[in-house]
Amino acid sequence: MLDNIEAVIFDLDGTLIDSMWIWKEIDIQFLEKRGLALPEDLQREIEGMSFTETAKYFKDRFKLKESIEAIKAEWDIMVLNYYKEKVTLKENVREIIDNLKSSNIKLGIGTSNSKDRTIDILKKFGLLEYFSSIRTSCEVNKGKPNPDVFLKVAEDLEVAPEKCLVFEDTYAGVLAAKRAGMKVYAVEDESSIDYREELIELADGYIRKYEEMA
């Protein structure tokens, strides 16, 4: 798995932490407040989008009067308690990070979440100092499935894309890593279980739990 690999890049939600379920709950509550139901295709439509891109999508699709920044601010308030009290690390991921670090593998994060939220959650679990680059899709031109955020992390780490391994849970994220020219392992998450076959076909490897890497 790590042959010719100098850096490992993790997605955050659904990959490092068990949190994808939270965002569906937030979407339901946000829309219900406005008398709207959650469309069946919404999660697939917004998969991989940056925080800003998602807010713009909501504003356009649901004809919201709020500004994009106001939508993002409301989501931040709604999600705060979830991230403080209910988010957990994926099982065995801490051991994997320790092993990678001890093997002198550079570590980075490329996420569609906000920068503040990402840093807060890494601090919560004592993992912030492990990562030499933390980039969000809001810091690049386009979110996943475009490769921009992963390429930016590789640039920060000063590692060629072909020497990077990405861990991702979504189809959009796996596709972004492949488009970046990187090796990618799909990590099973409840939110993407319906796309297991597509992920297995697209990714270089598929793991149900990190203990499979031991």
N, C-alpha and C. Protein backbone atom coordinates (compact mmCIF):
# COMPACT_ATOMS: atom_id res chain seq x y z
N MET A 1 0.82 -1.22 0.00
CA MET A 1 0.00 0.00 0.00
C MET A 1 0.85 1.26 0.00
N LEU A 2 1.96 1.26 0.75
CA LEU A 2 2.79 2.45 0.89
C LEU A 2 4.03 2.43 0.01
N ASP A 3 4.10 1.50 -0.92
CA ASP A 3 5.24 1.47 -1.85
C ASP A 3 5.28 2.76 -2.65
N ASN A 4 6.43 3.44 -2.62
CA ASN A 4 6.66 4.68 -3.36
C ASN A 4 5.75 5.82 -2.88
N ILE A 5 5.23 5.71 -1.66
CA ILE A 5 4.37 6.75 -1.10
C ILE A 5 5.15 7.58 -0.08
N GLU A 6 5.10 8.90 -0.26
CA GLU A 6 5.80 9.82 0.65
C GLU A 6 4.83 10.65 1.49
N ALA A 7 3.56 10.69 1.09
CA ALA A 7 2.58 11.48 1.84
C ALA A 7 1.22 10.79 1.81
N VAL A 8 0.49 10.93 2.89
CA VAL A 8 -0.87 10.42 2.98
C VAL A 8 -1.80 11.59 3.29
N ILE A 9 -2.85 11.71 2.49
CA ILE A 9 -3.82 12.79 2.65
C ILE A 9 -5.17 12.19 3.05
N PHE A 10 -5.74 12.69 4.13
CA PHE A 10 -7.03 12.23 4.60
C PHE A 10 -8.12 13.27 4.30
N ASP A 11 -9.27 12.79 3.88
CA ASP A 11 -10.48 13.59 3.99
C ASP A 11 -10.83 13.63 5.48
N LEU A 12 -11.77 14.50 5.86
CA LEU A 12 -12.15 14.58 7.27
C LEU A 12 -13.44 13.82 7.56
N ASP A 13 -14.58 14.36 7.15
CA ASP A 13 -15.88 13.78 7.49
C ASP A 13 -16.10 12.44 6.79
N GLY A 14 -16.38 11.42 7.59
CA GLY A 14 -16.62 10.09 7.03
C GLY A 14 -15.35 9.30 6.80
N THR A 15 -14.21 9.96 6.94
CA THR A 15 -12.92 9.29 6.71
C THR A 15 -12.08 9.25 7.98
N LEU A 16 -11.80 10.42 8.55
CA LEU A 16 -11.13 10.48 9.84
C LEU A 16 -12.12 10.40 10.99
N ILE A 17 -13.27 11.05 10.81
CA ILE A 17 -14.27 11.09 11.87
C ILE A 17 -15.61 10.56 11.37
N ASP A 18 -16.38 10.05 12.31
CA ASP A 18 -17.71 9.52 11.99
C ASP A 18 -18.71 10.66 12.12
N SER A 19 -18.98 11.35 11.02
CA SER A 19 -19.77 12.58 11.12
C SER A 19 -20.68 12.85 9.93
N MET A 20 -20.63 12.03 8.91
CA MET A 20 -21.44 12.33 7.72
C MET A 20 -22.93 12.35 8.02
N TRP A 21 -23.35 11.52 8.97
CA TRP A 21 -24.77 11.47 9.34
C TRP A 21 -25.26 12.81 9.89
N ILE A 22 -24.35 13.56 10.50
CA ILE A 22 -24.71 14.85 11.08
C ILE A 22 -25.21 15.81 10.02
N TRP A 23 -24.54 15.81 8.87
CA TRP A 23 -24.87 16.80 7.85
C TRP A 23 -26.24 16.56 7.24
N LYS A 24 -26.65 15.31 7.16
CA LYS A 24 -28.01 15.04 6.69
C LYS A 24 -29.02 15.59 7.69
N GLU A 25 -28.75 15.41 8.99
CA GLU A 25 -29.63 15.94 10.02
C GLU A 25 -29.72 17.46 9.94
N ILE A 26 -28.57 18.09 9.72
CA ILE A 26 -28.54 19.55 9.60
C ILE A 26 -29.37 20.00 8.40
N ASP A 27 -29.21 19.31 7.28
CA ASP A 27 -29.98 19.66 6.08
C ASP A 27 -31.48 19.55 6.32
N ILE A 28 -31.88 18.47 6.99
CA ILE A 28 -33.31 18.27 7.28
C ILE A 28 -33.84 19.41 8.14
N GLN A 29 -33.12 19.73 9.22
CA GLN A 29 -33.57 20.78 10.13
C GLN A 29 -33.58 22.15 9.45
N PHE A 30 -32.55 22.42 8.67
CA PHE A 30 -32.43 23.71 7.98
C PHE A 30 -33.60 23.92 7.02
N LEU A 31 -33.94 22.88 6.26
CA LEU A 31 -35.03 22.99 5.30
C LEU A 31 -36.40 23.00 5.98
N GLU A 32 -36.56 22.17 7.02
CA GLU A 32 -37.83 22.14 7.74
C GLU A 32 -38.17 23.51 8.33
N LYS A 33 -37.16 24.22 8.78
CA LYS A 33 -37.35 25.56 9.34
C LYS A 33 -37.98 26.50 8.32
N ARG A 34 -37.77 26.17 7.03
CA ARG A 34 -38.28 26.99 5.94
C ARG A 34 -39.47 26.34 5.24
N GLY A 35 -40.03 25.31 5.89
CA GLY A 35 -41.18 24.64 5.34
C GLY A 35 -40.89 23.78 4.13
N LEU A 36 -39.65 23.30 4.02
CA LEU A 36 -39.23 22.51 2.86
C LEU A 36 -38.83 21.10 3.29
N ALA A 37 -39.08 20.14 2.43
CA ALA A 37 -38.69 18.76 2.69
C ALA A 37 -37.33 18.48 2.06
N LEU A 38 -36.64 17.49 2.60
CA LEU A 38 -35.33 17.11 2.07
C LEU A 38 -35.51 16.32 0.77
N PRO A 39 -35.05 16.83 -0.36
CA PRO A 39 -35.16 16.07 -1.62
C PRO A 39 -34.32 14.81 -1.58
N GLU A 40 -34.80 13.77 -2.20
CA GLU A 40 -34.09 12.48 -2.18
C GLU A 40 -32.71 12.57 -2.84
N ASP A 41 -32.56 13.46 -3.81
CA ASP A 41 -31.29 13.53 -4.54
C ASP A 41 -30.30 14.50 -3.94
N LEU A 42 -30.65 15.17 -2.84
CA LEU A 42 -29.83 16.26 -2.34
C LEU A 42 -28.43 15.82 -1.94
N GLN A 43 -28.33 14.75 -1.16
CA GLN A 43 -27.02 14.33 -0.66
C GLN A 43 -26.06 13.99 -1.79
N ARG A 44 -26.58 13.35 -2.81
CA ARG A 44 -25.72 13.00 -3.95
C ARG A 44 -25.33 14.25 -4.73
N GLU A 45 -26.25 15.20 -4.84
CA GLU A 45 -26.00 16.42 -5.60
C GLU A 45 -24.89 17.27 -4.97
N ILE A 46 -24.86 17.34 -3.65
CA ILE A 46 -23.91 18.22 -2.99
C ILE A 46 -22.64 17.50 -2.55
N GLU A 47 -22.56 16.21 -2.79
CA GLU A 47 -21.40 15.42 -2.36
C GLU A 47 -20.10 16.03 -2.90
N GLY A 48 -19.17 16.31 -1.99
CA GLY A 48 -17.87 16.81 -2.40
C GLY A 48 -17.78 18.31 -2.53
N MET A 49 -18.91 19.01 -2.57
CA MET A 49 -18.87 20.46 -2.71
C MET A 49 -18.20 21.10 -1.50
N SER A 50 -17.57 22.24 -1.72
CA SER A 50 -17.03 23.00 -0.60
C SER A 50 -18.17 23.58 0.22
N PHE A 51 -17.85 24.07 1.41
CA PHE A 51 -18.84 24.69 2.28
C PHE A 51 -19.54 25.84 1.54
N THR A 52 -18.75 26.64 0.84
CA THR A 52 -19.29 27.79 0.10
C THR A 52 -20.13 27.34 -1.09
N GLU A 53 -19.64 26.35 -1.83
CA GLU A 53 -20.39 25.84 -2.98
C GLU A 53 -21.73 25.25 -2.55
N THR A 54 -21.74 24.56 -1.40
CA THR A 54 -22.98 23.98 -0.91
C THR A 54 -23.98 25.06 -0.54
N ALA A 55 -23.50 26.11 0.12
CA ALA A 55 -24.39 27.22 0.50
C ALA A 55 -24.98 27.88 -0.75
N LYS A 56 -24.16 28.06 -1.76
CA LYS A 56 -24.66 28.66 -3.02
C LYS A 56 -25.69 27.75 -3.67
N TYR A 57 -25.43 26.44 -3.63
CA TYR A 57 -26.38 25.47 -4.21
C TYR A 57 -27.73 25.58 -3.49
N PHE A 58 -27.69 25.61 -2.16
CA PHE A 58 -28.93 25.74 -1.39
C PHE A 58 -29.65 27.04 -1.74
N LYS A 59 -28.92 28.12 -1.79
CA LYS A 59 -29.52 29.42 -2.09
C LYS A 59 -30.22 29.40 -3.45
N ASP A 60 -29.55 28.82 -4.44
CA ASP A 60 -30.12 28.80 -5.80
C ASP A 60 -31.27 27.80 -5.90
N ARG A 61 -31.06 26.59 -5.40
CA ARG A 61 -32.08 25.54 -5.57
C ARG A 61 -33.36 25.85 -4.80
N PHE A 62 -33.19 26.36 -3.57
CA PHE A 62 -34.36 26.57 -2.72
C PHE A 62 -34.81 28.04 -2.67
N LYS A 63 -34.16 28.85 -3.54
CA LYS A 63 -34.54 30.26 -3.68
C LYS A 63 -34.57 30.98 -2.32
N LEU A 64 -33.47 30.83 -1.60
CA LEU A 64 -33.37 31.41 -0.26
C LEU A 64 -33.01 32.89 -0.34
N LYS A 65 -33.57 33.68 0.57
CA LYS A 65 -33.30 35.12 0.58
C LYS A 65 -31.99 35.44 1.30
N GLU A 66 -31.54 34.52 2.17
CA GLU A 66 -30.31 34.75 2.92
C GLU A 66 -29.08 34.78 2.01
N SER A 67 -28.06 35.49 2.44
CA SER A 67 -26.79 35.50 1.70
C SER A 67 -26.07 34.17 1.92
N ILE A 68 -25.11 33.89 1.06
CA ILE A 68 -24.31 32.68 1.20
C ILE A 68 -23.60 32.66 2.55
N GLU A 69 -23.06 33.80 2.96
CA GLU A 69 -22.36 33.87 4.24
C GLU A 69 -23.31 33.64 5.41
N ALA A 70 -24.53 34.14 5.29
CA ALA A 70 -25.52 33.93 6.36
C ALA A 70 -25.92 32.46 6.47
N ILE A 71 -26.05 31.80 5.33
CA ILE A 71 -26.37 30.37 5.33
C ILE A 71 -25.26 29.58 6.01
N LYS A 72 -24.02 29.88 5.65
CA LYS A 72 -22.88 29.20 6.26
C LYS A 72 -22.82 29.44 7.76
N ALA A 73 -23.11 30.67 8.18
CA ALA A 73 -23.07 31.00 9.60
C ALA A 73 -24.14 30.23 10.37
N GLU A 74 -25.32 30.08 9.76
CA GLU A 74 -26.39 29.33 10.42
C GLU A 74 -26.00 27.87 10.56
N TRP A 75 -25.40 27.30 9.51
CA TRP A 75 -24.94 25.91 9.59
C TRP A 75 -23.89 25.74 10.68
N ASP A 76 -22.99 26.72 10.80
CA ASP A 76 -21.94 26.64 11.82
C ASP A 76 -22.54 26.56 13.21
N ILE A 77 -23.55 27.38 13.47
CA ILE A 77 -24.21 27.38 14.77
C ILE A 77 -24.91 26.05 15.01
N MET A 78 -25.62 25.54 13.99
CA MET A 78 -26.36 24.30 14.12
C MET A 78 -25.45 23.11 14.40
N VAL A 79 -24.30 23.11 13.77
CA VAL A 79 -23.43 21.93 13.83
C VAL A 79 -22.51 21.93 15.04
N LEU A 80 -22.40 23.08 15.72
CA LEU A 80 -21.43 23.23 16.80
C LEU A 80 -21.57 22.17 17.88
N ASN A 81 -22.78 21.96 18.38
CA ASN A 81 -22.99 20.98 19.45
C ASN A 81 -22.72 19.56 18.99
N TYR A 82 -23.12 19.25 17.76
CA TYR A 82 -22.86 17.92 17.22
C TYR A 82 -21.35 17.62 17.26
N TYR A 83 -20.56 18.57 16.78
CA TYR A 83 -19.12 18.33 16.70
C TYR A 83 -18.46 18.31 18.07
N LYS A 84 -19.00 19.07 19.01
CA LYS A 84 -18.42 19.08 20.35
C LYS A 84 -18.76 17.81 21.13
N GLU A 85 -19.99 17.31 20.96
CA GLU A 85 -20.49 16.26 21.84
C GLU A 85 -20.64 14.88 21.18
N LYS A 86 -20.87 14.82 19.88
CA LYS A 86 -21.31 13.55 19.29
C LYS A 86 -20.35 12.96 18.25
N VAL A 87 -19.43 13.75 17.74
CA VAL A 87 -18.51 13.23 16.72
C VAL A 87 -17.45 12.35 17.38
N THR A 88 -17.17 11.22 16.75
CA THR A 88 -16.11 10.32 17.23
C THR A 88 -15.12 10.06 16.10
N LEU A 89 -13.93 9.64 16.50
CA LEU A 89 -12.94 9.22 15.50
C LEU A 89 -13.36 7.89 14.90
N LYS A 90 -12.99 7.69 13.64
CA LYS A 90 -13.17 6.37 13.05
C LYS A 90 -12.31 5.36 13.83
N GLU A 91 -12.83 4.17 13.98
CA GLU A 91 -12.14 3.14 14.75
C GLU A 91 -10.76 2.84 14.19
N ASN A 92 -9.75 2.83 15.07
CA ASN A 92 -8.36 2.48 14.73
C ASN A 92 -7.63 3.54 13.92
N VAL A 93 -8.26 4.69 13.63
CA VAL A 93 -7.58 5.67 12.78
C VAL A 93 -6.40 6.32 13.52
N ARG A 94 -6.51 6.47 14.84
CA ARG A 94 -5.40 7.07 15.58
C ARG A 94 -4.14 6.21 15.48
N GLU A 95 -4.32 4.90 15.57
CA GLU A 95 -3.18 4.00 15.44
C GLU A 95 -2.55 4.09 14.06
N ILE A 96 -3.37 4.21 13.04
CA ILE A 96 -2.86 4.33 11.67
C ILE A 96 -2.06 5.62 11.52
N ILE A 97 -2.57 6.72 12.06
CA ILE A 97 -1.87 8.00 11.98
C ILE A 97 -0.54 7.92 12.71
N ASP A 98 -0.53 7.33 13.89
CA ASP A 98 0.72 7.14 14.64
C ASP A 98 1.73 6.34 13.84
N ASN A 99 1.28 5.26 13.23
CA ASN A 99 2.18 4.41 12.44
C ASN A 99 2.75 5.14 11.23
N LEU A 100 1.90 5.92 10.57
CA LEU A 100 2.37 6.68 9.40
C LEU A 100 3.40 7.72 9.82
N LYS A 101 3.12 8.41 10.89
CA LYS A 101 4.03 9.45 11.37
C LYS A 101 5.37 8.85 11.77
N SER A 102 5.35 7.72 12.44
CA SER A 102 6.58 7.07 12.87
C SER A 102 7.38 6.52 11.69
N SER A 103 6.70 6.35 10.55
CA SER A 103 7.37 5.89 9.33
C SER A 103 7.83 7.05 8.46
N ASN A 104 7.77 8.25 9.02
CA ASN A 104 8.20 9.48 8.32
C ASN A 104 7.38 9.77 7.06
N ILE A 105 6.12 9.37 7.08
CA ILE A 105 5.20 9.72 6.01
C ILE A 105 4.59 11.09 6.34
N LYS A 106 4.63 12.01 5.39
CA LYS A 106 4.02 13.32 5.60
C LYS A 106 2.50 13.18 5.58
N LEU A 107 1.82 13.97 6.41
CA LEU A 107 0.37 13.86 6.54
C LEU A 107 -0.32 15.19 6.25
N GLY A 108 -1.44 15.10 5.53
CA GLY A 108 -2.22 16.28 5.23
C GLY A 108 -3.70 15.96 5.24
N ILE A 109 -4.52 17.01 5.23
CA ILE A 109 -5.97 16.87 5.17
C ILE A 109 -6.50 17.74 4.04
N GLY A 110 -7.40 17.15 3.23
CA GLY A 110 -8.10 17.88 2.18
C GLY A 110 -9.59 17.65 2.37
N THR A 111 -10.32 18.67 2.82
CA THR A 111 -11.71 18.49 3.23
C THR A 111 -12.64 19.52 2.62
N SER A 112 -13.90 19.17 2.54
CA SER A 112 -14.94 20.10 2.10
C SER A 112 -15.54 20.86 3.28
N ASN A 113 -15.15 20.52 4.48
CA ASN A 113 -15.64 21.21 5.67
C ASN A 113 -14.96 22.57 5.80
N SER A 114 -15.36 23.36 6.80
CA SER A 114 -14.74 24.66 7.00
C SER A 114 -13.41 24.50 7.72
N LYS A 115 -12.54 25.50 7.56
CA LYS A 115 -11.21 25.44 8.17
C LYS A 115 -11.32 25.45 9.70
N ASP A 116 -12.13 26.35 10.23
CA ASP A 116 -12.26 26.44 11.69
C ASP A 116 -12.78 25.14 12.28
N ARG A 117 -13.80 24.56 11.64
CA ARG A 117 -14.37 23.31 12.15
C ARG A 117 -13.34 22.19 12.09
N THR A 118 -12.57 22.12 11.02
CA THR A 118 -11.55 21.08 10.88
C THR A 118 -10.50 21.20 11.97
N ILE A 119 -10.01 22.40 12.19
CA ILE A 119 -8.99 22.61 13.22
C ILE A 119 -9.55 22.29 14.60
N ASP A 120 -10.79 22.71 14.86
CA ASP A 120 -11.40 22.43 16.16
C ASP A 120 -11.49 20.93 16.44
N ILE A 121 -11.91 20.17 15.43
CA ILE A 121 -12.09 18.74 15.64
C ILE A 121 -10.74 18.04 15.81
N LEU A 122 -9.73 18.49 15.11
CA LEU A 122 -8.39 17.91 15.27
C LEU A 122 -7.83 18.21 16.65
N LYS A 123 -8.08 19.42 17.12
CA LYS A 123 -7.65 19.78 18.48
C LYS A 123 -8.37 18.92 19.51
N LYS A 124 -9.65 18.71 19.30
CA LYS A 124 -10.45 17.91 20.24
C LYS A 124 -9.85 16.53 20.45
N PHE A 125 -9.34 15.93 19.39
CA PHE A 125 -8.79 14.58 19.48
C PHE A 125 -7.27 14.55 19.59
N GLY A 126 -6.66 15.72 19.76
CA GLY A 126 -5.21 15.79 19.93
C GLY A 126 -4.43 15.39 18.69
N LEU A 127 -4.96 15.69 17.51
CA LEU A 127 -4.33 15.27 16.26
C LEU A 127 -3.78 16.42 15.41
N LEU A 128 -4.00 17.64 15.85
CA LEU A 128 -3.64 18.78 15.01
C LEU A 128 -2.17 18.79 14.62
N GLU A 129 -1.30 18.47 15.57
CA GLU A 129 0.14 18.56 15.31
C GLU A 129 0.64 17.49 14.34
N TYR A 130 -0.17 16.49 14.06
CA TYR A 130 0.25 15.43 13.14
C TYR A 130 0.24 15.90 11.68
N PHE A 131 -0.55 16.90 11.36
CA PHE A 131 -0.79 17.26 9.97
C PHE A 131 -0.05 18.53 9.56
N SER A 132 0.79 18.40 8.55
CA SER A 132 1.60 19.52 8.08
C SER A 132 0.85 20.43 7.12
N SER A 133 -0.24 19.95 6.57
CA SER A 133 -1.08 20.77 5.69
C SER A 133 -2.53 20.44 5.94
N ILE A 134 -3.34 21.48 6.13
CA ILE A 134 -4.80 21.33 6.27
C ILE A 134 -5.43 22.31 5.30
N ARG A 135 -6.08 21.76 4.28
CA ARG A 135 -6.69 22.61 3.25
C ARG A 135 -8.16 22.26 3.09
N THR A 136 -8.97 23.27 2.81
CA THR A 136 -10.38 23.08 2.56
C THR A 136 -10.69 23.45 1.11
N SER A 137 -11.80 22.94 0.63
CA SER A 137 -12.19 23.22 -0.76
C SER A 137 -12.53 24.69 -0.97
N CYS A 138 -12.80 25.42 0.11
CA CYS A 138 -13.05 26.86 -0.01
C CYS A 138 -11.78 27.63 -0.32
N GLU A 139 -10.62 27.00 -0.16
CA GLU A 139 -9.35 27.67 -0.41
C GLU A 139 -8.84 27.47 -1.83
N VAL A 140 -9.56 26.70 -2.62
CA VAL A 140 -9.15 26.44 -4.01
C VAL A 140 -10.28 26.82 -4.95
N ASN A 141 -10.04 26.70 -6.24
CA ASN A 141 -11.03 27.15 -7.22
C ASN A 141 -12.30 26.32 -7.21
N LYS A 142 -12.16 25.00 -7.12
CA LYS A 142 -13.33 24.14 -7.20
C LYS A 142 -13.22 23.00 -6.19
N GLY A 143 -14.37 22.60 -5.63
CA GLY A 143 -14.40 21.49 -4.70
C GLY A 143 -14.38 20.15 -5.41
N LYS A 144 -14.41 19.09 -4.64
CA LYS A 144 -14.46 17.74 -5.18
C LYS A 144 -15.76 17.55 -5.99
N PRO A 145 -15.75 16.84 -7.09
CA PRO A 145 -14.76 15.86 -7.56
C PRO A 145 -13.58 16.44 -8.34
N ASN A 146 -13.44 17.77 -8.35
CA ASN A 146 -12.24 18.35 -8.95
C ASN A 146 -11.05 18.09 -8.02
N PRO A 147 -9.84 18.01 -8.57
CA PRO A 147 -8.68 17.60 -7.78
C PRO A 147 -8.01 18.70 -6.99
N ASP A 148 -8.52 19.93 -7.08
CA ASP A 148 -7.81 21.11 -6.60
C ASP A 148 -7.32 21.00 -5.15
N VAL A 149 -8.19 20.58 -4.24
CA VAL A 149 -7.81 20.59 -2.83
C VAL A 149 -6.70 19.59 -2.54
N PHE A 150 -6.73 18.43 -3.18
CA PHE A 150 -5.68 17.44 -2.96
C PHE A 150 -4.35 17.90 -3.58
N LEU A 151 -4.43 18.52 -4.72
CA LEU A 151 -3.21 19.04 -5.33
C LEU A 151 -2.59 20.14 -4.48
N LYS A 152 -3.42 20.95 -3.84
CA LYS A 152 -2.91 22.01 -2.97
C LYS A 152 -2.21 21.43 -1.75
N VAL A 153 -2.77 20.38 -1.19
CA VAL A 153 -2.13 19.73 -0.05
C VAL A 153 -0.78 19.14 -0.46
N ALA A 154 -0.75 18.48 -1.61
CA ALA A 154 0.51 17.91 -2.11
C ALA A 154 1.55 19.00 -2.32
N GLU A 155 1.11 20.13 -2.84
CA GLU A 155 2.02 21.26 -3.04
C GLU A 155 2.59 21.74 -1.70
N ASP A 156 1.71 21.86 -0.70
CA ASP A 156 2.17 22.26 0.64
C ASP A 156 3.20 21.30 1.19
N LEU A 157 2.96 20.02 0.99
CA LEU A 157 3.83 18.98 1.54
C LEU A 157 5.09 18.78 0.71
N GLU A 158 5.12 19.41 -0.47
CA GLU A 158 6.25 19.29 -1.40
C GLU A 158 6.48 17.84 -1.81
N VAL A 159 5.36 17.19 -2.14
CA VAL A 159 5.39 15.80 -2.60
C VAL A 159 4.64 15.72 -3.93
N ALA A 160 5.21 15.02 -4.90
CA ALA A 160 4.56 14.86 -6.19
C ALA A 160 3.25 14.09 -6.03
N PRO A 161 2.22 14.43 -6.80
CA PRO A 161 0.92 13.75 -6.67
C PRO A 161 1.01 12.24 -6.75
N GLU A 162 1.85 11.73 -7.65
CA GLU A 162 1.92 10.28 -7.81
C GLU A 162 2.55 9.57 -6.61
N LYS A 163 3.11 10.36 -5.68
CA LYS A 163 3.69 9.78 -4.47
C LYS A 163 2.79 10.03 -3.25
N CYS A 164 1.53 10.39 -3.53
CA CYS A 164 0.55 10.62 -2.46
C CYS A 164 -0.50 9.52 -2.45
N LEU A 165 -0.92 9.14 -1.26
CA LEU A 165 -2.02 8.20 -1.05
C LEU A 165 -3.14 8.95 -0.33
N VAL A 166 -4.34 8.87 -0.86
CA VAL A 166 -5.49 9.55 -0.28
C VAL A 166 -6.45 8.52 0.32
N PHE A 167 -7.02 8.86 1.48
CA PHE A 167 -8.12 8.10 2.06
C PHE A 167 -9.38 8.94 1.97
N GLU A 168 -10.42 8.38 1.37
CA GLU A 168 -11.68 9.09 1.11
C GLU A 168 -12.86 8.15 1.31
N ASP A 169 -14.01 8.72 1.67
CA ASP A 169 -15.19 7.89 1.85
C ASP A 169 -16.24 8.09 0.76
N THR A 170 -16.22 9.20 0.04
CA THR A 170 -17.26 9.48 -0.95
C THR A 170 -16.77 9.23 -2.37
N TYR A 171 -17.72 9.02 -3.25
CA TYR A 171 -17.37 8.83 -4.66
C TYR A 171 -16.72 10.09 -5.23
N ALA A 172 -17.29 11.26 -4.89
CA ALA A 172 -16.72 12.52 -5.38
C ALA A 172 -15.29 12.70 -4.90
N GLY A 173 -15.02 12.32 -3.65
CA GLY A 173 -13.68 12.45 -3.11
C GLY A 173 -12.69 11.50 -3.75
N VAL A 174 -13.11 10.26 -3.95
CA VAL A 174 -12.25 9.28 -4.62
C VAL A 174 -11.95 9.73 -6.03
N LEU A 175 -12.96 10.23 -6.74
CA LEU A 175 -12.77 10.72 -8.09
C LEU A 175 -11.81 11.90 -8.12
N ALA A 176 -11.92 12.79 -7.14
CA ALA A 176 -11.01 13.94 -7.06
C ALA A 176 -9.57 13.49 -6.90
N ALA A 177 -9.34 12.49 -6.05
CA ALA A 177 -7.99 11.98 -5.84
C ALA A 177 -7.44 11.33 -7.09
N LYS A 178 -8.28 10.56 -7.79
CA LYS A 178 -7.83 9.93 -9.03
C LYS A 178 -7.49 10.99 -10.07
N ARG A 179 -8.30 12.04 -10.16
CA ARG A 179 -8.04 13.11 -11.11
C ARG A 179 -6.76 13.88 -10.76
N ALA A 180 -6.39 13.83 -9.50
CA ALA A 180 -5.14 14.47 -9.07
C ALA A 180 -3.92 13.62 -9.40
N GLY A 181 -4.15 12.40 -9.87
CA GLY A 181 -3.06 11.50 -10.19
C GLY A 181 -2.50 10.79 -8.98
N MET A 182 -3.34 10.66 -7.94
CA MET A 182 -2.90 10.05 -6.70
C MET A 182 -3.48 8.65 -6.52
N LYS A 183 -2.81 7.87 -5.71
CA LYS A 183 -3.35 6.58 -5.30
C LYS A 183 -4.43 6.85 -4.26
N VAL A 184 -5.52 6.09 -4.28
CA VAL A 184 -6.61 6.37 -3.35
C VAL A 184 -7.26 5.09 -2.84
N TYR A 185 -7.48 5.07 -1.54
CA TYR A 185 -8.21 3.98 -0.90
C TYR A 185 -9.55 4.53 -0.41
N ALA A 186 -10.62 3.84 -0.76
CA ALA A 186 -11.94 4.23 -0.28
C ALA A 186 -12.17 3.62 1.10
N VAL A 187 -12.71 4.43 2.00
CA VAL A 187 -13.01 4.00 3.36
C VAL A 187 -14.52 3.87 3.50
N GLU A 188 -14.99 2.73 3.90
CA GLU A 188 -16.43 2.52 4.00
C GLU A 188 -17.04 3.40 5.09
N ASP A 189 -18.16 4.03 4.73
CA ASP A 189 -18.92 4.83 5.68
C ASP A 189 -20.40 4.56 5.43
N GLU A 190 -21.19 4.65 6.46
CA GLU A 190 -22.62 4.35 6.34
C GLU A 190 -23.29 5.23 5.29
N SER A 191 -22.83 6.46 5.16
CA SER A 191 -23.46 7.40 4.23
C SER A 191 -23.21 7.05 2.77
N SER A 192 -22.15 6.30 2.50
CA SER A 192 -21.82 5.96 1.11
C SER A 192 -21.92 4.48 0.81
N ILE A 193 -22.58 3.74 1.70
CA ILE A 193 -22.65 2.29 1.55
C ILE A 193 -23.37 1.88 0.27
N ASP A 194 -24.31 2.70 -0.19
CA ASP A 194 -25.05 2.38 -1.41
C ASP A 194 -24.17 2.45 -2.65
N TYR A 195 -23.01 3.07 -2.52
CA TYR A 195 -22.12 3.24 -3.67
C TYR A 195 -20.87 2.37 -3.55
N ARG A 196 -20.98 1.32 -2.73
CA ARG A 196 -19.83 0.46 -2.47
C ARG A 196 -19.22 -0.09 -3.75
N GLU A 197 -20.05 -0.61 -4.64
CA GLU A 197 -19.52 -1.23 -5.86
C GLU A 197 -18.81 -0.21 -6.74
N GLU A 198 -19.38 1.00 -6.85
CA GLU A 198 -18.74 2.05 -7.64
C GLU A 198 -17.40 2.46 -7.03
N LEU A 199 -17.35 2.52 -5.70
CA LEU A 199 -16.11 2.89 -5.02
C LEU A 199 -15.05 1.82 -5.20
N ILE A 200 -15.45 0.57 -5.08
CA ILE A 200 -14.50 -0.53 -5.26
C ILE A 200 -13.92 -0.51 -6.67
N GLU A 201 -14.75 -0.21 -7.64
CA GLU A 201 -14.30 -0.19 -9.03
C GLU A 201 -13.36 0.98 -9.30
N LEU A 202 -13.63 2.14 -8.71
CA LEU A 202 -12.86 3.34 -9.00
C LEU A 202 -11.57 3.43 -8.20
N ALA A 203 -11.60 3.05 -6.94
CA ALA A 203 -10.46 3.23 -6.05
C ALA A 203 -9.39 2.16 -6.27
N ASP A 204 -8.19 2.45 -5.75
CA ASP A 204 -7.09 1.48 -5.82
C ASP A 204 -7.24 0.41 -4.75
N GLY A 205 -8.04 0.71 -3.74
CA GLY A 205 -8.31 -0.25 -2.68
C GLY A 205 -9.54 0.18 -1.91
N TYR A 206 -10.14 -0.74 -1.17
CA TYR A 206 -11.36 -0.45 -0.41
C TYR A 206 -11.23 -1.12 0.95
N ILE A 207 -11.41 -0.33 2.01
CA ILE A 207 -11.33 -0.89 3.35
C ILE A 207 -12.61 -0.60 4.13
N ARG A 208 -13.07 -1.58 4.84
CA ARG A 208 -14.25 -1.39 5.68
C ARG A 208 -13.89 -0.78 7.01
N LYS A 209 -12.70 -1.15 7.53
CA LYS A 209 -12.19 -0.59 8.78
C LYS A 209 -10.68 -0.42 8.64
N TYR A 210 -10.14 0.55 9.40
CA TYR A 210 -8.70 0.81 9.31
C TYR A 210 -7.87 -0.34 9.83
N GLU A 211 -8.45 -1.19 10.67
CA GLU A 211 -7.69 -2.33 11.19
C GLU A 211 -7.25 -3.26 10.06
N GLU A 212 -7.88 -3.17 8.90
CA GLU A 212 -7.47 -3.98 7.76
C GLU A 212 -6.09 -3.58 7.25
N MET A 213 -5.63 -2.40 7.63
CA MET A 213 -4.30 -1.93 7.20
C MET A 213 -3.19 -2.45 8.10
N ALA A 214 -3.56 -3.00 9.25
CA ALA A 214 -2.54 -3.44 10.21
C ALA A 214 -1.71 -4.59 9.68
